[in-house]
Amino acid sequence: PALTASYYATTAKSAALCRWIREAGGVVHSGVDLVRPIGEDFDECGSDDECGSFATEDIGRGATLVRVPLRLCLRGATCFDLAVALVEADETPYVATLPARPESLAAWSAQERSLLKGTSLEGSWRDEAAAVEARPTHLVEKDGLFRRALRLARTRAVEVDDEWLMAPGVDALNHRGAGDAPARLYYSSDDSLELVAVRDIPAGDEVTHVYDEHLTPADSLWRYGVVLPDAAPAAVVVDAASLRCPPDRVDACRALLGGSDRVALTVVDPLPDALIEMATLVSLSAADYQAARALAAHQTWRRIDLLATLEDAPGDFQDQVDAALDALADTKLAAFSPTTFSFASSPPPSSSSSGRRRSAKRVS
């Protein structure tokens, strides 16, 4: 395809970034193009195209791809502080390569956000609005710039010694899962971030690294506004509505589960007792439900052994419970497929040390 002026503008910015890093004492491998648009439709190439880093020549295992002194990095104790630093930063070849409209849940439409209802990410986009309201007084007139800076800090930062850093050149690389990524990011003892080739990289291949080995779909969606394809589901949240629970039994489900009508299904425990109990409660006939409700009035729902009720129930009732769980498996449990995502997650563990270099990671 024909290359347009906007494509050449992007590659010119990449060349300027490489020169700037080298002139400041850093390293960029001669066979690495740091910022290049991905795909073949260059007619639409612009500042918000998906870009990546590519090998322009064969690169051997162990080669240093990029080394960036920490003094070149934008830094902050928190995402908020880093966003302030970015807004206040001078225009540099690095800043010139940053996307104008980074991905963010806060940029989703109301219809798109409705897909997050009932998940751990429901309402998470409000954090950005609160941070924008709390921005320093000298940035009050820079609402849009600060909002963009928050999104850039969240999606592009790495964590070193509990500090948030935006590292020129390093954050140009896209993510690929462990075992597939040809590069790994380290924090070196000479106060620099270093990308090293962990296998041979043929000319023309994209140079990627692992953002975080413990990413869940919820993590990646919250941080980057997209679900990374190899993020492993941590859990699926199931609520009473997922089991088609009649409205009059939602409160009973909450009482049964100690104040919540939600159960987390994990790969380790995909069918917890709490879910079976809830399915049993939902499947009770009207008469049996009223009897159980009367009993619960005296000893609470938590003390009613619904698992024993299910075990002693006739086969047709057990079939009803099975049908409720089967319907659930056809919907919610599909989230265990790598092509979809889940929402309940835990923060990843801290990076561990490894000799002269320590692994660095992108942060949430």
Protein backbone atom coordinates (compact mmCIF):
# COMPACT_ATOMS: atom_id res chain seq x y z
CA PRO A 1 0.00 0.00 0.00
CA ALA A 2 1.01 3.62 -0.50
CA LEU A 3 2.50 5.30 2.56
CA THR A 4 0.92 8.62 3.46
CA ALA A 5 2.36 11.76 5.03
CA SER A 6 0.91 10.80 8.41
CA TYR A 7 2.74 7.46 8.29
CA TYR A 8 6.03 9.21 7.58
CA ALA A 9 5.29 11.68 10.37
CA THR A 10 4.97 8.80 12.80
CA THR A 11 8.25 7.21 11.71
CA ALA A 12 9.94 10.63 11.90
CA LYS A 13 8.78 10.94 15.51
CA SER A 14 10.19 7.47 16.16
CA ALA A 15 13.57 8.47 14.74
CA ALA A 16 13.57 11.65 16.84
CA LEU A 17 12.76 9.63 19.97
CA CYS A 18 15.64 7.22 19.30
CA ARG A 19 18.10 10.10 18.81
CA TRP A 20 16.88 11.82 21.99
CA ILE A 21 17.34 8.69 24.11
CA ARG A 22 20.83 8.06 22.72
CA GLU A 23 21.92 11.68 23.17
CA ALA A 24 20.87 11.48 26.82
CA GLY A 25 23.10 8.46 27.43
CA GLY A 26 20.54 5.76 26.74
CA VAL A 27 20.59 2.91 24.23
CA VAL A 28 18.29 2.01 21.35
CA HIS A 29 19.34 -0.98 19.25
CA SER A 30 20.06 0.02 15.65
CA GLY A 31 17.73 -2.73 14.50
CA VAL A 32 14.67 -1.52 16.42
CA ASP A 33 12.04 0.88 15.10
CA LEU A 34 10.36 2.02 18.32
CA VAL A 35 7.12 3.54 17.02
CA ARG A 36 5.56 2.18 13.85
CA PRO A 37 1.87 1.98 12.89
CA ILE A 38 0.52 -1.58 12.84
CA GLY A 39 -1.42 -2.85 9.86
CA GLU A 40 -1.58 -2.12 6.17
CA ASP A 41 -4.22 0.59 5.95
CA PHE A 42 -1.82 3.52 6.12
CA ASP A 43 -4.30 5.89 4.45
CA GLU A 44 -5.87 6.41 7.88
CA CYS A 45 -2.60 6.56 9.76
CA GLY A 46 -2.60 9.22 12.45
CA SER A 47 -1.77 10.00 16.06
CA ASP A 48 -4.22 7.43 17.43
CA ASP A 49 -3.32 4.48 15.22
CA GLU A 50 -2.26 1.34 17.02
CA CYS A 51 1.51 1.38 16.99
CA GLY A 52 4.21 -1.04 18.02
CA SER A 53 7.95 -1.63 17.97
CA PHE A 54 9.52 -3.75 15.23
CA ALA A 55 12.87 -5.36 14.43
CA THR A 56 14.36 -3.96 11.22
CA GLU A 57 17.16 -6.52 11.23
CA ASP A 58 17.83 -9.90 12.85
CA ILE A 59 18.52 -9.42 16.57
CA GLY A 60 20.24 -12.06 18.66
CA ARG A 61 19.19 -13.39 22.05
CA GLY A 62 20.68 -11.36 24.91
CA ALA A 63 20.92 -8.09 22.98
CA THR A 64 19.95 -4.88 24.72
CA LEU A 65 17.03 -3.44 22.80
CA VAL A 66 16.43 -0.28 24.83
CA ARG A 67 18.10 1.15 27.91
CA VAL A 68 16.56 4.30 29.38
CA PRO A 69 18.14 6.19 32.30
CA LEU A 70 15.59 6.91 35.01
CA ARG A 71 16.34 10.62 34.74
CA LEU A 72 14.56 10.60 31.36
CA CYS A 73 11.42 9.08 32.86
CA LEU A 74 8.39 10.97 34.06
CA ARG A 75 7.87 9.98 37.70
CA GLY A 76 5.26 10.13 40.43
CA ALA A 77 4.44 8.44 43.72
CA THR A 78 0.91 7.78 42.42
CA CYS A 79 -0.93 7.75 39.12
CA PHE A 80 -2.32 11.19 40.03
CA ASP A 81 1.18 12.60 40.67
CA LEU A 82 2.45 11.12 37.42
CA ALA A 83 -0.43 12.72 35.52
CA VAL A 84 0.46 16.10 37.03
CA ALA A 85 4.09 15.60 36.00
CA LEU A 86 3.02 14.76 32.45
CA VAL A 87 0.85 17.87 32.07
CA GLU A 88 3.70 20.02 33.38
CA ALA A 89 6.38 18.30 31.27
CA ASP A 90 8.20 20.10 28.50
CA GLU A 91 7.45 19.05 24.93
CA THR A 92 10.06 16.39 24.15
CA PRO A 93 10.41 13.81 21.37
CA TYR A 94 8.97 11.33 23.87
CA VAL A 95 5.88 13.37 24.67
CA ALA A 96 5.35 13.87 20.92
CA THR A 97 4.90 10.10 20.43
CA LEU A 98 2.13 9.70 23.04
CA PRO A 99 -1.38 8.99 21.70
CA ALA A 100 -3.92 11.80 21.78
CA ARG A 101 -6.80 9.59 22.92
CA PRO A 102 -5.58 6.63 25.00
CA GLU A 103 -7.98 3.79 25.76
CA SER A 104 -9.99 4.08 28.98
CA LEU A 105 -13.21 2.74 30.50
CA ALA A 106 -14.05 6.38 31.22
CA ALA A 107 -14.25 6.96 27.47
CA TRP A 108 -16.84 4.20 26.99
CA SER A 109 -20.39 5.11 26.06
CA ALA A 110 -23.24 4.57 28.52
CA GLN A 111 -24.33 1.54 26.49
CA GLU A 112 -20.85 0.04 26.66
CA ARG A 113 -20.61 0.69 30.39
CA SER A 114 -23.89 -1.15 30.93
CA LEU A 115 -22.01 -4.34 30.01
CA LEU A 116 -20.06 -3.97 33.26
CA LYS A 117 -23.16 -3.96 35.46
CA GLY A 118 -22.85 -6.40 38.32
CA THR A 119 -19.09 -6.76 37.97
CA SER A 120 -16.17 -5.52 40.03
CA LEU A 121 -15.59 -2.84 37.37
CA GLU A 122 -19.08 -1.32 37.62
CA GLY A 123 -18.65 2.39 38.33
CA SER A 124 -14.84 2.19 38.19
CA TRP A 125 -14.73 4.98 35.58
CA ARG A 126 -15.92 7.40 38.28
CA ASP A 127 -12.44 7.26 39.81
CA GLU A 128 -11.17 9.31 36.90
CA ALA A 129 -13.85 11.97 37.34
CA ALA A 130 -12.96 12.27 41.03
CA ALA A 131 -9.25 12.61 40.19
CA VAL A 132 -9.96 15.31 37.59
CA GLU A 133 -11.97 17.26 40.18
CA ALA A 134 -9.05 16.99 42.63
CA ARG A 135 -6.41 18.31 40.21
CA PRO A 136 -4.17 21.17 41.41
CA THR A 137 -5.57 24.67 41.14
CA HIS A 138 -3.01 25.69 38.51
CA LEU A 139 -4.41 22.94 36.26
CA VAL A 140 -8.07 23.89 36.66
CA GLU A 141 -8.17 25.30 33.13
CA LYS A 142 -6.61 22.12 31.70
CA ASP A 143 -9.44 19.64 32.24
CA GLY A 144 -8.97 17.80 28.96
CA LEU A 145 -5.19 17.68 29.21
CA PHE A 146 -5.31 16.33 32.75
CA ARG A 147 -7.90 13.71 31.85
CA ARG A 148 -5.68 12.52 28.99
CA ALA A 149 -2.64 12.54 31.30
CA LEU A 150 -4.44 10.31 33.80
CA ARG A 151 -5.24 7.81 31.07
CA LEU A 152 -1.70 7.85 29.74
CA ALA A 153 -0.27 7.36 33.23
CA ARG A 154 -2.57 4.44 33.91
CA THR A 155 -1.98 2.67 30.60
CA ARG A 156 1.75 3.28 30.09
CA ALA A 157 3.41 3.34 33.52
CA VAL A 158 5.83 0.82 34.97
CA GLU A 159 6.47 0.33 38.67
CA VAL A 160 9.94 0.55 40.20
CA ASP A 161 10.37 0.60 43.97
CA ASP A 162 6.74 1.67 44.48
CA GLU A 163 7.13 4.62 42.13
CA TRP A 164 5.18 5.16 38.90
CA LEU A 165 7.35 5.78 35.83
CA MET A 166 6.61 6.57 32.21
CA ALA A 167 9.70 5.33 30.39
CA PRO A 168 10.45 6.72 26.91
CA GLY A 169 10.82 3.94 24.35
CA VAL A 170 9.91 1.22 26.83
CA ASP A 171 6.20 2.05 26.80
CA ALA A 172 6.13 1.90 23.00
CA LEU A 173 6.13 -1.91 23.15
CA ASN A 174 2.88 -3.87 23.09
CA HIS A 175 2.05 -6.79 25.36
CA ARG A 176 2.40 -10.46 24.56
CA GLY A 177 2.02 -13.34 26.98
CA ALA A 178 4.88 -15.03 28.81
CA GLY A 179 6.56 -17.58 26.56
CA ASP A 180 5.70 -15.61 23.43
CA ALA A 181 7.18 -12.17 24.10
CA PRO A 182 10.71 -11.84 22.69
CA ALA A 183 11.76 -9.13 25.19
CA ARG A 184 11.79 -8.72 28.93
CA LEU A 185 11.96 -5.51 30.95
CA TYR A 186 14.44 -5.14 33.81
CA TYR A 187 15.38 -2.47 36.32
CA SER A 188 19.18 -2.37 36.25
CA SER A 189 21.51 -1.49 39.10
CA ASP A 190 22.76 1.56 37.16
CA ASP A 191 19.36 3.26 37.60
CA SER A 192 18.00 2.49 34.19
CA LEU A 193 15.21 0.45 32.65
CA GLU A 194 16.45 -2.10 30.16
CA LEU A 195 14.66 -4.21 27.56
CA VAL A 196 16.60 -7.35 26.70
CA ALA A 197 15.93 -9.88 23.93
CA VAL A 198 15.20 -13.25 25.56
CA ARG A 199 15.22 -15.06 22.22
CA ASP A 200 16.33 -14.37 18.66
CA ILE A 201 14.09 -11.82 16.92
CA PRO A 202 13.91 -12.07 13.12
CA ALA A 203 13.75 -8.91 11.03
CA GLY A 204 10.15 -7.77 10.58
CA ASP A 205 8.86 -9.27 13.84
CA GLU A 206 7.10 -7.08 16.36
CA VAL A 207 9.11 -6.57 19.55
CA THR A 208 6.85 -7.11 22.56
CA HIS A 209 7.21 -7.82 26.25
CA VAL A 210 5.05 -9.04 29.13
CA TYR A 211 3.31 -6.18 30.94
CA ASP A 212 2.55 -8.35 33.95
CA GLU A 213 2.62 -12.12 34.33
CA HIS A 214 -0.38 -12.01 36.67
CA LEU A 215 -2.78 -9.99 34.54
CA THR A 216 -6.43 -10.95 34.74
CA PRO A 217 -8.99 -9.71 32.21
CA ALA A 218 -10.34 -7.29 34.83
CA ASP A 219 -6.83 -5.91 35.41
CA SER A 220 -6.15 -5.39 31.73
CA LEU A 221 -9.56 -3.87 31.02
CA TRP A 222 -9.26 -1.41 33.91
CA ARG A 223 -5.66 -0.43 33.13
CA TYR A 224 -5.60 -0.43 29.36
CA GLY A 225 -9.25 -0.13 28.31
CA VAL A 226 -8.95 -3.41 26.39
CA VAL A 227 -8.77 -7.08 27.33
CA LEU A 228 -5.40 -8.56 26.49
CA PRO A 229 -6.00 -11.84 24.64
CA ASP A 230 -3.91 -14.07 26.92
CA ALA A 231 -5.14 -12.77 30.28
CA ALA A 232 -6.35 -15.73 32.33
CA PRO A 233 -9.74 -15.45 34.02
CA ALA A 234 -9.48 -15.11 37.78
CA ALA A 235 -13.14 -15.39 38.64
CA VAL A 236 -16.65 -14.87 37.37
CA VAL A 237 -19.20 -13.03 39.47
CA VAL A 238 -22.63 -14.64 39.55
CA ASP A 239 -25.62 -12.92 41.10
CA ALA A 240 -29.19 -13.98 41.80
CA ALA A 241 -30.36 -12.44 38.53
CA SER A 242 -28.01 -14.76 36.63
CA LEU A 243 -30.04 -17.68 38.00
CA ARG A 244 -33.30 -16.00 36.96
CA CYS A 245 -34.19 -15.56 40.60
CA PRO A 246 -37.77 -14.36 41.23
CA PRO A 247 -37.76 -10.87 42.81
CA ASP A 248 -39.24 -12.13 46.08
CA ARG A 249 -36.24 -14.44 46.59
CA VAL A 250 -33.42 -11.97 46.03
CA ASP A 251 -33.51 -10.90 49.68
CA ALA A 252 -33.46 -14.55 50.72
CA CYS A 253 -30.37 -15.10 48.56
CA ARG A 254 -28.68 -12.12 50.21
CA ALA A 255 -29.51 -13.48 53.66
CA LEU A 256 -28.30 -16.91 52.64
CA LEU A 257 -24.96 -15.51 51.45
CA GLY A 258 -24.43 -13.22 54.41
CA GLY A 259 -25.59 -9.93 52.88
CA SER A 260 -24.70 -10.40 49.21
CA ASP A 261 -26.50 -12.03 46.30
CA ARG A 262 -23.22 -12.64 44.46
CA VAL A 263 -20.90 -15.63 44.32
CA ALA A 264 -17.41 -15.71 42.79
CA LEU A 265 -16.63 -18.74 40.63
CA THR A 266 -12.93 -19.44 40.21
CA VAL A 267 -10.93 -21.90 38.18
CA VAL A 268 -9.99 -23.59 41.45
CA ASP A 269 -13.58 -23.77 42.69
CA PRO A 270 -15.94 -23.45 39.70
CA LEU A 271 -18.95 -24.85 41.58
CA PRO A 272 -18.87 -23.54 45.17
CA ASP A 273 -21.42 -24.72 47.73
CA ALA A 274 -22.83 -21.20 47.93
CA LEU A 275 -23.81 -21.33 44.26
CA ILE A 276 -25.50 -24.72 44.67
CA GLU A 277 -27.39 -23.40 47.70
CA MET A 278 -28.54 -20.37 45.76
CA ALA A 279 -29.66 -22.53 42.82
CA THR A 280 -31.57 -24.74 45.26
CA LEU A 281 -33.29 -21.76 46.84
CA VAL A 282 -34.26 -20.39 43.44
CA SER A 283 -35.69 -23.76 42.35
CA LEU A 284 -37.92 -24.36 45.40
CA SER A 285 -41.62 -24.56 44.68
CA ALA A 286 -43.78 -21.75 46.05
CA ALA A 287 -45.01 -23.94 48.91
CA ASP A 288 -41.54 -25.22 49.83
CA TYR A 289 -40.14 -21.70 49.63
CA GLN A 290 -42.78 -20.38 52.02
CA ALA A 291 -42.02 -23.24 54.44
CA ALA A 292 -38.30 -22.51 54.27
CA ARG A 293 -38.97 -18.80 54.72
CA ALA A 294 -41.03 -19.52 57.87
CA LEU A 295 -38.19 -21.66 59.21
CA ALA A 296 -35.65 -18.96 58.41
CA ALA A 297 -37.70 -16.47 60.41
CA HIS A 298 -36.79 -18.49 63.52
CA GLN A 299 -33.20 -19.55 62.81
CA THR A 300 -32.02 -17.44 59.81
CA TRP A 301 -31.32 -18.57 56.26
CA ARG A 302 -27.67 -19.21 57.05
CA ARG A 303 -28.62 -22.07 59.37
CA ILE A 304 -30.85 -23.85 56.87
CA ASP A 305 -28.98 -26.75 55.27
CA LEU A 306 -30.03 -26.39 51.64
CA LEU A 307 -27.39 -28.85 50.49
CA ALA A 308 -29.04 -31.51 52.64
CA THR A 309 -32.40 -30.43 51.24
CA LEU A 310 -31.11 -30.97 47.72
CA GLU A 311 -29.56 -34.34 48.58
CA ASP A 312 -32.83 -35.62 50.04
CA ALA A 313 -35.04 -34.10 47.34
CA PRO A 314 -36.75 -36.18 44.64
CA GLY A 315 -35.03 -36.57 41.29
CA ASP A 316 -37.22 -34.09 39.44
CA PHE A 317 -36.25 -31.30 41.85
CA GLN A 318 -32.58 -32.15 41.50
CA ASP A 319 -33.08 -31.96 37.75
CA GLN A 320 -34.47 -28.42 38.17
CA VAL A 321 -31.37 -27.37 40.09
CA ASP A 322 -29.16 -28.99 37.46
CA ALA A 323 -31.07 -27.12 34.74
CA ALA A 324 -30.50 -23.81 36.55
CA LEU A 325 -26.77 -24.51 36.78
CA ASP A 326 -26.63 -25.67 33.16
CA ALA A 327 -28.23 -22.40 32.02
CA LEU A 328 -25.63 -20.56 34.05
CA ALA A 329 -22.82 -22.56 32.45
CA ASP A 330 -24.05 -21.53 29.00
CA THR A 331 -23.75 -17.85 29.91
CA LYS A 332 -21.57 -16.78 32.81
CA LEU A 333 -19.18 -19.71 32.79
CA ALA A 334 -18.31 -19.00 29.17
CA ALA A 335 -16.10 -16.30 30.67
CA PHE A 336 -13.52 -18.98 31.36
CA SER A 337 -12.81 -19.04 27.62
CA PRO A 338 -9.65 -17.10 26.65
CA THR A 339 -11.67 -15.12 24.11
CA THR A 340 -13.83 -13.48 26.78
CA PHE A 341 -13.15 -11.86 30.11
CA SER A 342 -14.09 -11.88 33.78
CA PHE A 343 -14.18 -9.11 36.30
CA ALA A 344 -13.43 -10.17 39.88
CA SER A 345 -9.70 -10.02 40.47
CA SER A 346 -6.94 -9.48 42.98
CA PRO A 347 -3.91 -7.21 42.64
CA PRO A 348 -0.79 -8.93 41.29
CA PRO A 349 2.16 -9.65 43.60
CA SER A 350 5.17 -7.36 43.68
CA SER A 351 8.08 -7.88 41.30
CA SER A 352 10.84 -10.14 42.58
CA SER A 353 14.58 -9.54 42.36
CA SER A 354 16.83 -11.43 39.97
CA GLY A 355 20.52 -10.68 40.44
CA ARG A 356 21.84 -7.52 38.81
CA ARG A 357 18.48 -6.81 37.22
CA ARG A 358 15.02 -6.85 38.71
CA SER A 359 11.90 -7.45 36.66
CA ALA A 360 9.77 -4.33 36.29
CA LYS A 361 6.04 -4.39 35.54
CA ARG A 362 3.28 -2.17 34.36
CA VAL A 363 1.10 -1.10 37.22
CA SER A 364 -2.62 -0.68 37.90
